[in-house]
Amino acid sequence: MLRGIHHVAVICDDYAVSKAFYVETLGLRVLGEHYREERQSWKLDLALPDGGQVELFSFPDAPARPSWPEARGLRHLAFAVDDIDAACARLTARGVVLEPVRVDPYTGQRFVFFADPDGLPLELYEVAAAG
């Protein structure tokens, strides 16, 4: 049956801006980059350290994604981090605006939300060390 999440696809407005954000700001590694002439679309495959991937697409005239108020469907993309304070400091130094760090009332873990260049909600979720 299911083994895990293989990838998450994100459609962006400004490909160059989003590519820089996901590669330079978030530190994802480029696996492949292709321009698909028939769709007038870039497809950028990015690697997460755990083997998962983010696919970044550009499509001409893609409609805006409703975020506020929150719409039905996929809500946000969450990335696991070991040290939320260090991750927040790195993002803040790169000009990313973060919401205040909160604590999950059920797990006790800390998390923080921010947005990608198109306003897609992203989350950092601090995962407790095993042991």
Foldseek 3Di string as FASTA:
>chain_A
DDDDAAEAEDEDADVVQLVCCVCVQVPWAWPDWDQDVVQRKIWTWTADPVNHIYIYMYGPPDDADDQVVHDPDDHAAEDEDADVVVSVVSNVVVVWDKDDWDADPVPRWIKIWTAGPRRGIYMYTHDYDDD
